[in-house]
C-alpha atoms as a PDB file:
ATOM      1  CA  MET A   1       0.000   0.000   0.000  1.00  0.00           C
ATOM      2  CA  LYS A   2       1.283   3.441  -0.954  1.00  0.00           C
ATOM      3  CA  LEU A   3       0.053   6.182   1.350  1.00  0.00           C
ATOM      4  CA  VAL A   4       0.374   9.866   0.461  1.00  0.00           C
ATOM      5  CA  ARG A   5      -0.514  13.341   1.632  1.00  0.00           C
ATOM      6  CA  TYR A   6      -1.309  15.625  -1.286  1.00  0.00           C
ATOM      7  CA  GLY A   7      -2.142  19.280  -1.760  1.00  0.00           C
ATOM      8  CA  HIS A   8      -0.764  22.695  -0.904  1.00  0.00           C
ATOM      9  CA  PRO A   9       1.679  23.009   2.020  1.00  0.00           C
ATOM     10  CA  GLY A  10      -0.188  22.956   5.305  1.00  0.00           C
ATOM     11  CA  LYS A  11      -3.408  21.839   3.627  1.00  0.00           C
ATOM     12  CA  GLU A  12      -2.511  18.293   2.589  1.00  0.00           C
ATOM     13  CA  LYS A  13      -5.186  15.598   2.384  1.00  0.00           C
ATOM     14  CA  PRO A  14      -4.641  11.871   2.968  1.00  0.00           C
ATOM     15  CA  GLY A  15      -4.641   9.576  -0.022  1.00  0.00           C
ATOM     16  CA  LEU A  16      -3.371   6.351  -1.464  1.00  0.00           C
ATOM     17  CA  ILE A  17      -2.005   5.213  -4.806  1.00  0.00           C
ATOM     18  CA  ASP A  18      -4.010   2.253  -6.109  1.00  0.00           C
ATOM     19  CA  GLN A  19      -2.644  -0.649  -8.140  1.00  0.00           C
ATOM     20  CA  SER A  20      -3.244   1.209 -11.410  1.00  0.00           C
ATOM     21  CA  GLY A  21      -1.259   4.209 -10.180  1.00  0.00           C
ATOM     22  CA  THR A  22      -4.332   6.377  -9.599  1.00  0.00           C
ATOM     23  CA  LEU A  23      -4.341   8.743  -6.644  1.00  0.00           C
ATOM     24  CA  ARG A  24      -7.381   8.126  -4.418  1.00  0.00           C
ATOM     25  CA  ASP A  25      -8.739  10.471  -1.755  1.00  0.00           C
ATOM     26  CA  LEU A  26      -8.806   9.010   1.772  1.00  0.00           C
ATOM     27  CA  SER A  27     -10.242  12.067   3.538  1.00  0.00           C
ATOM     28  CA  SER A  28     -13.673  10.437   3.937  1.00  0.00           C
ATOM     29  CA  VAL A  29     -12.034   7.568   5.826  1.00  0.00           C
ATOM     30  CA  ILE A  30      -9.329   9.228   7.954  1.00  0.00           C
ATOM     31  CA  GLU A  31      -8.441  12.807   8.845  1.00  0.00           C
ATOM     32  CA  ASP A  32      -4.749  12.461   8.087  1.00  0.00           C
ATOM     33  CA  ILE A  33      -1.868   9.998   7.809  1.00  0.00           C
ATOM     34  CA  ASP A  34      -0.281  10.416  11.195  1.00  0.00           C
ATOM     35  CA  ALA A  35       0.988   8.292  14.081  1.00  0.00           C
ATOM     36  CA  ASP A  36      -2.495   6.925  14.769  1.00  0.00           C
ATOM     37  CA  GLN A  37      -2.676   5.426  11.263  1.00  0.00           C
ATOM     38  CA  LEU A  38       0.710   3.667  11.352  1.00  0.00           C
ATOM     39  CA  SER A  39       0.000   0.829  13.778  1.00  0.00           C
ATOM     40  CA  PRO A  40      -0.374  -2.686  12.336  1.00  0.00           C
ATOM     41  CA  LYS A  41      -4.087  -2.629  13.169  1.00  0.00           C
ATOM     42  CA  ALA A  42      -4.711   0.732  11.519  1.00  0.00           C
ATOM     43  CA  LEU A  43      -2.703  -0.182   8.402  1.00  0.00           C
ATOM     44  CA  ALA A  44      -4.567  -3.491   8.124  1.00  0.00           C
ATOM     45  CA  ARG A  45      -7.852  -1.601   8.230  1.00  0.00           C
ATOM     46  CA  LEU A  46      -6.744   0.721   5.435  1.00  0.00           C
ATOM     47  CA  GLY A  47      -5.475  -2.256   3.453  1.00  0.00           C
ATOM     48  CA  LYS A  48      -8.951  -3.776   3.423  1.00  0.00           C
ATOM     49  CA  LEU A  49     -10.502  -0.758   1.699  1.00  0.00           C
ATOM     50  CA  SER A  50     -11.820  -1.173  -1.836  1.00  0.00           C
ATOM     51  CA  SER A  51      -9.733   1.514  -3.483  1.00  0.00           C
ATOM     52  CA  GLU A  52     -11.986   1.703  -6.537  1.00  0.00           C
ATOM     53  CA  ARG A  53     -14.738   3.055  -4.283  1.00  0.00           C
ATOM     54  CA  LEU A  54     -12.581   5.961  -3.173  1.00  0.00           C
ATOM     55  CA  PRO A  55     -12.758   9.199  -5.193  1.00  0.00           C
ATOM     56  CA  ALA A  56     -10.050   9.555  -7.820  1.00  0.00           C
ATOM     57  CA  VAL A  57      -8.069  12.786  -7.579  1.00  0.00           C
ATOM     58  CA  ARG A  58      -7.802  14.745 -10.790  1.00  0.00           C
ATOM     59  CA  GLY A  59      -4.718  16.466 -12.067  1.00  0.00           C
ATOM     60  CA  ASN A  60      -1.206  16.207 -10.710  1.00  0.00           C
ATOM     61  CA  PRO A  61      -1.280  17.658  -7.203  1.00  0.00           C
ATOM     62  CA  ARG A  62       1.786  18.334  -5.070  1.00  0.00           C
ATOM     63  CA  MET A  63       2.888  15.436  -2.878  1.00  0.00           C
ATOM     64  CA  GLY A  64       3.672  16.542   0.648  1.00  0.00           C
ATOM     65  CA  VAL A  65       5.549  14.673   3.358  1.00  0.00           C
ATOM     66  CA  PRO A  66       3.612  11.361   3.534  1.00  0.00           C
ATOM     67  CA  VAL A  67       3.387  11.369   7.344  1.00  0.00           C
ATOM     68  CA  ALA A  68       1.961  14.255   9.371  1.00  0.00           C
ATOM     69  CA  GLY A  69       3.322  15.303  12.742  1.00  0.00           C
ATOM     70  CA  ILE A  70       6.738  13.661  12.529  1.00  0.00           C
ATOM     71  CA  GLY A  71       8.225  13.846  16.005  1.00  0.00           C
ATOM     72  CA  LYS A  72      11.851  12.918  15.328  1.00  0.00           C
ATOM     73  CA  PHE A  73      13.838  13.057  12.113  1.00  0.00           C
ATOM     74  CA  ILE A  74      16.886  10.897  12.789  1.00  0.00           C
ATOM     75  CA  ALA A  75      19.741  10.202  10.399  1.00  0.00           C
ATOM     76  CA  ILE A  76      22.598   7.717  10.195  1.00  0.00           C
ATOM     77  CA  GLY A  77      25.970   8.867   8.882  1.00  0.00           C
ATOM     78  CA  LEU A  78      28.655   6.987   6.943  1.00  0.00           C
ATOM     79  CA  ASN A  79      26.505   3.890   6.513  1.00  0.00           C
ATOM     80  CA  TYR A  80      27.953   2.883   3.133  1.00  0.00           C
ATOM     81  CA  SER A  81      31.634   1.989   3.029  1.00  0.00           C
ATOM     82  CA  ASP A  82      32.181   3.669  -0.351  1.00  0.00           C
ATOM     83  CA  HIS A  83      30.704   6.935   0.948  1.00  0.00           C
ATOM     84  CA  ALA A  84      32.895   6.864   4.066  1.00  0.00           C
ATOM     85  CA  ALA A  85      35.907   6.375   1.789  1.00  0.00           C
ATOM     86  CA  GLU A  86      35.047   9.303  -0.478  1.00  0.00           C
ATOM     87  CA  ALA A  87      34.505  11.489   2.600  1.00  0.00           C
ATOM     88  CA  GLY A  88      37.942  10.498   3.875  1.00  0.00           C
ATOM     89  CA  LEU A  89      36.470   9.259   7.148  1.00  0.00           C
ATOM     90  CA  PRO A  90      36.956   5.907   8.898  1.00  0.00           C
ATOM     91  CA  LEU A  91      34.251   3.269   8.726  1.00  0.00           C
ATOM     92  CA  PRO A  92      32.288   3.540  11.984  1.00  0.00           C
ATOM     93  CA  ALA A  93      32.313   0.669  14.473  1.00  0.00           C
ATOM     94  CA  GLU A  94      28.798   1.666  15.539  1.00  0.00           C
ATOM     95  CA  PRO A  95      26.079   3.632  13.720  1.00  0.00           C
ATOM     96  CA  VAL A  96      26.687   7.390  13.646  1.00  0.00           C
ATOM     97  CA  ILE A  97      23.505   9.149  14.779  1.00  0.00           C
ATOM     98  CA  PHE A  98      22.566  12.777  14.193  1.00  0.00           C
ATOM     99  CA  MET A  99      19.310  14.707  14.031  1.00  0.00           C
ATOM    100  CA  LYS A 100      17.693  16.696  11.260  1.00  0.00           C
ATOM    101  CA  ALA A 101      15.313  19.464  12.318  1.00  0.00           C
ATOM    102  CA  VAL A 102      11.671  18.636  11.607  1.00  0.00           C
ATOM    103  CA  SER A 103      11.366  22.168  10.196  1.00  0.00           C
ATOM    104  CA  CYS A 104      13.502  21.034   7.229  1.00  0.00           C
ATOM    105  CA  LEU A 105      10.878  18.520   6.068  1.00  0.00           C
ATOM    106  CA  ALA A 106       9.675  19.057   2.495  1.00  0.00           C
ATOM    107  CA  GLY A 107       7.646  17.337  -0.184  1.00  0.00           C
ATOM    108  CA  ALA A 108       9.009  15.122  -2.940  1.00  0.00           C
ATOM    109  CA  ASP A 109       8.998  17.839  -5.600  1.00  0.00           C
ATOM    110  CA  ASP A 110       9.428  20.950  -3.485  1.00  0.00           C
ATOM    111  CA  PRO A 111      12.417  23.167  -4.313  1.00  0.00           C
ATOM    112  CA  ILE A 112      15.733  22.854  -2.501  1.00  0.00           C
ATOM    113  CA  ILE A 113      16.424  26.294  -1.055  1.00  0.00           C
ATOM    114  CA  LEU A 114      20.091  27.209  -0.767  1.00  0.00           C
ATOM    115  CA  PRO A 115      20.457  28.772   2.690  1.00  0.00           C
ATOM    116  CA  LYS A 116      21.774  32.287   3.120  1.00  0.00           C
ATOM    117  CA  GLY A 117      25.565  32.212   2.819  1.00  0.00           C
ATOM    118  CA  SER A 118      25.685  28.676   1.468  1.00  0.00           C
ATOM    119  CA  ARG A 119      28.649  27.673  -0.687  1.00  0.00           C
ATOM    120  CA  LYS A 120      28.653  23.890  -0.350  1.00  0.00           C
ATOM    121  CA  THR A 121      25.128  22.472  -0.473  1.00  0.00           C
ATOM    122  CA  ASP A 122      25.234  18.773  -1.342  1.00  0.00           C
ATOM    123  CA  TRP A 123      22.869  15.896  -2.113  1.00  0.00           C
ATOM    124  CA  GLU A 124      22.374  12.470  -0.462  1.00  0.00           C
ATOM    125  CA  VAL A 125      19.728   9.957  -1.553  1.00  0.00           C
ATOM    126  CA  GLU A 126      18.734   7.685   1.351  1.00  0.00           C
ATOM    127  CA  LEU A 127      16.307   4.944   2.316  1.00  0.00           C
ATOM    128  CA  GLY A 128      13.902   6.266   4.946  1.00  0.00           C
ATOM    129  CA  ILE A 129      12.362   4.132   7.689  1.00  0.00           C
ATOM    130  CA  VAL A 130       8.995   5.149   9.155  1.00  0.00           C
ATOM    131  CA  ILE A 131       8.303   3.802  12.635  1.00  0.00           C
ATOM    132  CA  GLY A 132       4.826   2.381  13.254  1.00  0.00           C
ATOM    133  CA  THR A 133       5.094   0.869  16.736  1.00  0.00           C
ATOM    134  CA  LYS A 134       6.883   2.182  19.824  1.00  0.00           C
ATOM    135  CA  ALA A 135      10.423   0.807  19.930  1.00  0.00           C
ATOM    136  CA  GLN A 136      12.430   0.830  23.154  1.00  0.00           C
ATOM    137  CA  TYR A 137      15.417  -1.493  23.583  1.00  0.00           C
ATOM    138  CA  VAL A 138      14.160  -3.778  20.819  1.00  0.00           C
ATOM    139  CA  THR A 139      16.313  -6.605  19.521  1.00  0.00           C
ATOM    140  CA  GLN A 140      17.295  -6.907  15.878  1.00  0.00           C
ATOM    141  CA  LYS A 141      14.854  -9.804  15.604  1.00  0.00           C
ATOM    142  CA  GLU A 142      12.032  -7.581  16.851  1.00  0.00           C
ATOM    143  CA  ALA A 143      13.065  -4.417  15.029  1.00  0.00           C
ATOM    144  CA  LEU A 144      11.326  -4.851  11.674  1.00  0.00           C
ATOM    145  CA  GLN A 145       8.026  -5.469  13.458  1.00  0.00           C
ATOM    146  CA  CYS A 146       8.220  -1.835  14.578  1.00  0.00           C
ATOM    147  CA  VAL A 147       8.508  -0.493  11.007  1.00  0.00           C
ATOM    148  CA  ALA A 148       5.368   0.830   9.324  1.00  0.00           C
ATOM    149  CA  GLY A 149       7.044   1.347   5.970  1.00  0.00           C
ATOM    150  CA  TYR A 150       9.730   2.948   3.868  1.00  0.00           C
ATOM    151  CA  CYS A 151      10.215   6.066   1.755  1.00  0.00           C
ATOM    152  CA  VAL A 152      12.742   8.082  -0.240  1.00  0.00           C
ATOM    153  CA  VAL A 153      14.691  10.739   1.672  1.00  0.00           C
ATOM    154  CA  ASN A 154      17.112  13.348   0.331  1.00  0.00           C
ATOM    155  CA  ASP A 155      19.466  14.235   3.188  1.00  0.00           C
ATOM    156  CA  VAL A 156      20.443  17.614   1.738  1.00  0.00           C
ATOM    157  CA  SER A 157      23.571  18.894   3.497  1.00  0.00           C
ATOM    158  CA  GLU A 158      25.549  22.132   3.623  1.00  0.00           C
ATOM    159  CA  ARG A 159      29.123  20.868   3.986  1.00  0.00           C
ATOM    160  CA  GLU A 160      30.704  24.091   5.188  1.00  0.00           C
ATOM    161  CA  PHE A 161      28.084  24.398   7.933  1.00  0.00           C
ATOM    162  CA  GLN A 162      28.476  20.690   8.703  1.00  0.00           C
ATOM    163  CA  PHE A 163      32.264  20.367   8.909  1.00  0.00           C
ATOM    164  CA  GLU A 164      33.753  23.860   9.170  1.00  0.00           C
ATOM    165  CA  ARG A 165      31.486  25.450  11.775  1.00  0.00           C
ATOM    166  CA  GLY A 166      32.231  23.142  14.715  1.00  0.00           C
ATOM    167  CA  PRO A 167      32.267  19.408  15.502  1.00  0.00           C
ATOM    168  CA  GLN A 168      28.503  18.795  15.388  1.00  0.00           C
ATOM    169  CA  TRP A 169      26.857  17.989  12.068  1.00  0.00           C
ATOM    170  CA  ASP A 170      23.332  19.205  12.820  1.00  0.00           C
ATOM    171  CA  LYS A 171      23.726  22.823  11.676  1.00  0.00           C
ATOM    172  CA  GLY A 172      24.548  21.624   8.157  1.00  0.00           C
ATOM    173  CA  LYS A 173      21.621  19.214   8.055  1.00  0.00           C
ATOM    174  CA  GLY A 174      18.541  21.076   9.225  1.00  0.00           C
ATOM    175  CA  CYS A 175      18.183  24.117   6.963  1.00  0.00           C
ATOM    176  CA  ASP A 176      14.742  24.776   5.499  1.00  0.00           C
ATOM    177  CA  SER A 177      13.943  22.351   2.636  1.00  0.00           C
ATOM    178  CA  PHE A 178      16.871  20.035   3.540  1.00  0.00           C
ATOM    179  CA  GLY A 179      14.615  17.045   4.289  1.00  0.00           C
ATOM    180  CA  PRO A 180      12.474  16.043   1.307  1.00  0.00           C
ATOM    181  CA  VAL A 181      10.529  12.856   2.133  1.00  0.00           C
ATOM    182  CA  GLY A 182       8.250  10.860  -0.178  1.00  0.00           C
ATOM    183  CA  PRO A 183       6.479  10.939  -2.562  1.00  0.00           C
ATOM    184  CA  TRP A 184       4.755   8.176  -0.618  1.00  0.00           C
ATOM    185  CA  LEU A 185       5.071   5.818   2.294  1.00  0.00           C
ATOM    186  CA  VAL A 186       5.208   2.222   1.084  1.00  0.00           C
ATOM    187  CA  THR A 187       4.021  -0.129   3.811  1.00  0.00           C
ATOM    188  CA  ALA A 188       6.482  -2.726   5.061  1.00  0.00           C
ATOM    189  CA  ASP A 189       4.487  -5.678   3.698  1.00  0.00           C
ATOM    190  CA  GLU A 190       5.344  -4.463   0.179  1.00  0.00           C
ATOM    191  CA  VAL A 191       9.074  -4.186   0.966  1.00  0.00           C
ATOM    192  CA  PRO A 192       9.991  -7.663   2.256  1.00  0.00           C
ATOM    193  CA  GLN A 193      13.694  -7.150   1.515  1.00  0.00           C
ATOM    194  CA  PRO A 194      14.709  -3.589   2.395  1.00  0.00           C
ATOM    195  CA  GLN A 195      18.352  -4.613   1.915  1.00  0.00           C
ATOM    196  CA  ARG A 196      17.852  -5.297  -1.795  1.00  0.00           C
ATOM    197  CA  LEU A 197      16.806  -1.906  -3.172  1.00  0.00           C
ATOM    198  CA  GLY A 198      18.486   0.017  -5.966  1.00  0.00           C
ATOM    199  CA  ILE A 199      19.081   3.667  -5.035  1.00  0.00           C
ATOM    200  CA  TRP A 200      20.127   6.525  -7.348  1.00  0.00           C
ATOM    201  CA  LEU A 201      20.422  10.291  -7.772  1.00  0.00           C
ATOM    202  CA  GLU A 202      21.010  12.600 -10.738  1.00  0.00           C
ATOM    203  CA  VAL A 203      21.935  16.268 -11.029  1.00  0.00           C
ATOM    204  CA  ASN A 204      20.889  17.941 -14.283  1.00  0.00           C
ATOM    205  CA  GLY A 205      20.344  14.505 -15.811  1.00  0.00           C
ATOM    206  CA  GLU A 206      23.825  13.225 -14.897  1.00  0.00           C
ATOM    207  CA  ARG A 207      23.906  10.101 -12.730  1.00  0.00           C
ATOM    208  CA  MET A 208      25.834  10.879  -9.544  1.00  0.00           C
ATOM    209  CA  GLN A 209      24.804   8.112  -7.167  1.00  0.00           C
ATOM    210  CA  ASP A 210      23.992   4.553  -8.191  1.00  0.00           C
ATOM    211  CA  GLY A 211      23.984   2.074  -5.333  1.00  0.00           C
ATOM    212  CA  ASN A 212      22.038  -0.611  -3.533  1.00  0.00           C
ATOM    213  CA  THR A 213      20.922  -0.931   0.066  1.00  0.00           C
ATOM    214  CA  LYS A 214      22.588  -4.363   0.208  1.00  0.00           C
ATOM    215  CA  THR A 215      25.893  -2.528   0.717  1.00  0.00           C
ATOM    216  CA  MET A 216      24.754  -0.701   3.862  1.00  0.00           C
ATOM    217  CA  VAL A 217      27.188  -1.195   6.734  1.00  0.00           C
ATOM    218  CA  PHE A 218      24.349  -1.455   9.263  1.00  0.00           C
ATOM    219  CA  SER A 219      21.035  -2.985   8.165  1.00  0.00           C
ATOM    220  CA  VAL A 220      17.578  -1.550   8.759  1.00  0.00           C
ATOM    221  CA  ALA A 221      17.033  -4.023  11.610  1.00  0.00           C
ATOM    222  CA  LYS A 222      20.363  -3.127  13.204  1.00  0.00           C
ATOM    223  CA  ILE A 223      19.674   0.598  12.923  1.00  0.00           C
ATOM    224  CA  VAL A 224      16.209   0.428  14.513  1.00  0.00           C
ATOM    225  CA  SER A 225      17.484  -1.805  17.310  1.00  0.00           C
ATOM    226  CA  TYR A 226      20.555   0.340  17.929  1.00  0.00           C
ATOM    227  CA  VAL A 227      18.778   3.710  17.916  1.00  0.00           C
ATOM    228  CA  SER A 228      16.084   2.354  20.270  1.00  0.00           C
ATOM    229  CA  ARG A 229      18.797   1.883  22.910  1.00  0.00           C
ATOM    230  CA  PHE A 230      19.455   5.623  23.039  1.00  0.00           C
ATOM    231  CA  MET A 231      16.010   7.110  22.435  1.00  0.00           C
ATOM    232  CA  THR A 232      12.504   5.699  22.369  1.00  0.00           C
ATOM    233  CA  LEU A 233      11.242   5.541  18.810  1.00  0.00           C
ATOM    234  CA  MET A 234       7.614   6.540  18.452  1.00  0.00           C
ATOM    235  CA  PRO A 235       5.076   6.020  15.641  1.00  0.00           C
ATOM    236  CA  GLY A 236       5.727   8.574  12.935  1.00  0.00           C
ATOM    237  CA  ASP A 237       9.433   8.979  13.618  1.00  0.00           C
ATOM    238  CA  VAL A 238      11.588   8.852  10.474  1.00  0.00           C
ATOM    239  CA  ILE A 239      15.122   7.490  10.191  1.00  0.00           C
ATOM    240  CA  ALA A 240      17.289   8.231   7.143  1.00  0.00           C
ATOM    241  CA  THR A 241      19.740   5.342   6.781  1.00  0.00           C
ATOM    242  CA  GLY A 242      22.753   6.822   5.009  1.00  0.00           C
ATOM    243  CA  THR A 243      23.850   7.385   1.424  1.00  0.00           C
ATOM    244  CA  PRO A 244      26.088   5.561  -1.070  1.00  0.00           C
ATOM    245  CA  ALA A 245      29.068   7.134  -2.830  1.00  0.00           C
ATOM    246  CA  GLY A 246      28.612   9.908  -5.364  1.00  0.00           C
ATOM    247  CA  VAL A 247      27.981  13.016  -3.300  1.00  0.00           C
ATOM    248  CA  GLY A 248      29.378  16.333  -4.467  1.00  0.00           C
ATOM    249  CA  MET A 249      31.808  16.600  -1.570  1.00  0.00           C
ATOM    250  CA  GLY A 250      33.557  13.426  -2.735  1.00  0.00           C
ATOM    251  CA  MET A 251      34.237  14.605  -6.286  1.00  0.00           C
ATOM    252  CA  ARG A 252      37.602  15.934  -7.445  1.00  0.00           C
ATOM    253  CA  PRO A 253      37.186  18.838  -7.582  1.00  0.00           C
ATOM    254  CA  PRO A 254      34.129  18.965  -5.291  1.00  0.00           C
ATOM    255  CA  ARG A 255      30.837  19.894  -6.915  1.00  0.00           C
ATOM    256  CA  PHE A 256      27.977  21.577  -5.107  1.00  0.00           C
ATOM    257  CA  LEU A 257      24.473  22.721  -5.972  1.00  0.00           C
ATOM    258  CA  LYS A 258      23.737  26.110  -7.487  1.00  0.00           C
ATOM    259  CA  PRO A 259      20.545  27.940  -8.440  1.00  0.00           C
ATOM    260  CA  GLY A 260      19.011  26.440 -11.566  1.00  0.00           C
ATOM    261  CA  ASP A 261      20.215  22.893 -10.930  1.00  0.00           C
ATOM    262  CA  VAL A 262      17.688  20.050 -10.974  1.00  0.00           C
ATOM    263  CA  VAL A 263      18.070  17.099  -8.613  1.00  0.00           C
ATOM    264  CA  ALA A 264      16.219  13.836  -9.319  1.00  0.00           C
ATOM    265  CA  LEU A 265      16.432  10.738  -7.136  1.00  0.00           C
ATOM    266  CA  GLY A 266      14.644   7.495  -6.390  1.00  0.00           C
ATOM    267  CA  ILE A 267      14.625   4.029  -4.846  1.00  0.00           C
ATOM    268  CA  ASP A 268      13.244   0.836  -6.379  1.00  0.00           C
ATOM    269  CA  GLY A 269       9.539   0.530  -5.562  1.00  0.00           C
ATOM    270  CA  LEU A 270       9.489   3.651  -3.381  1.00  0.00           C
ATOM    271  CA  GLY A 271       9.061   6.336  -6.028  1.00  0.00           C
ATOM    272  CA  ARG A 272      11.165   9.285  -7.078  1.00  0.00           C
ATOM    273  CA  GLN A 273      11.699  12.939  -6.261  1.00  0.00           C
ATOM    274  CA  ARG A 274      12.520  15.998  -8.370  1.00  0.00           C
ATOM    275  CA  HIS A 275      13.787  19.296  -6.987  1.00  0.00           C
ATOM    276  CA  ASP A 276      14.591  22.639  -8.553  1.00  0.00           C
ATOM    277  CA  VAL A 277      17.455  24.313  -6.709  1.00  0.00           C
ATOM    278  CA  VAL A 278      16.732  27.953  -5.876  1.00  0.00           C
ATOM    279  CA  ALA A 279      18.483  30.749  -4.014  1.00  0.00           C
ATOM    280  CA  TYR A 280      17.283  31.827  -0.587  1.00  0.00           C
ATOM    281  CA  ARG A 281      14.720  34.606  -0.586  1.00  0.00           C
ATOM    282  CA  LYS A 282      13.308  36.190   2.531  1.00  0.00           C
ATOM    283  CA  THR A 283       9.601  35.377   2.954  1.00  0.00           C
END
């Protein structure tokens, strides 16, 4: 099942993508796709709906973040060995955890806004995990039972802010628009092997990243289990699981985003994103 939230920012409606690819309106069934709709029981109830009886949505509306009210936006760094190598950093013995501000969340086709003073804004396509059941000190064996589904995440990063403005990464990770998620949430039952997904990103039509989640250093199950030891994961929390090689920082010479660039990215079965890169403008 592919769950979406569509419409103008702040006015999104719940929907689903049926087997024919048609967007269907869910607003007569639920108010929104939030933590209450991510439990196994709630997802099973939605899965039993006859999608052909739901109203079809006309046109090509904007796809917002597929989950409302995300409480924590967690990210894992250096989780692909080839990316750690291109960054010139050692392979971590344990998952590297950092936080992205929830205010950076954006829709799958929203623009990437270069922050004021930015010189080194970079791209990172990542597999996103959406938590559906409270996870606290869960084992790896239990971990996947806590996952509601998966999505595409672009962990947009300003490298100067990240590495040259102090030892913490967060200030280079949470700028407005730096967390596109979606276009949809694909429920876990449709992704039986999250470690077998092709993952890619292009800038202006040029393939930059071309990897597979099978090369992740720490698996989805390991990540959920590990993070749950340090913070309680709640329904609606999102975890971005790291990026493969091919980021701009790793190129020789480095290459970063500029106004007018177009970033496209996707993951097998989870959809794709497209972003126009624009300069910051005061609103």
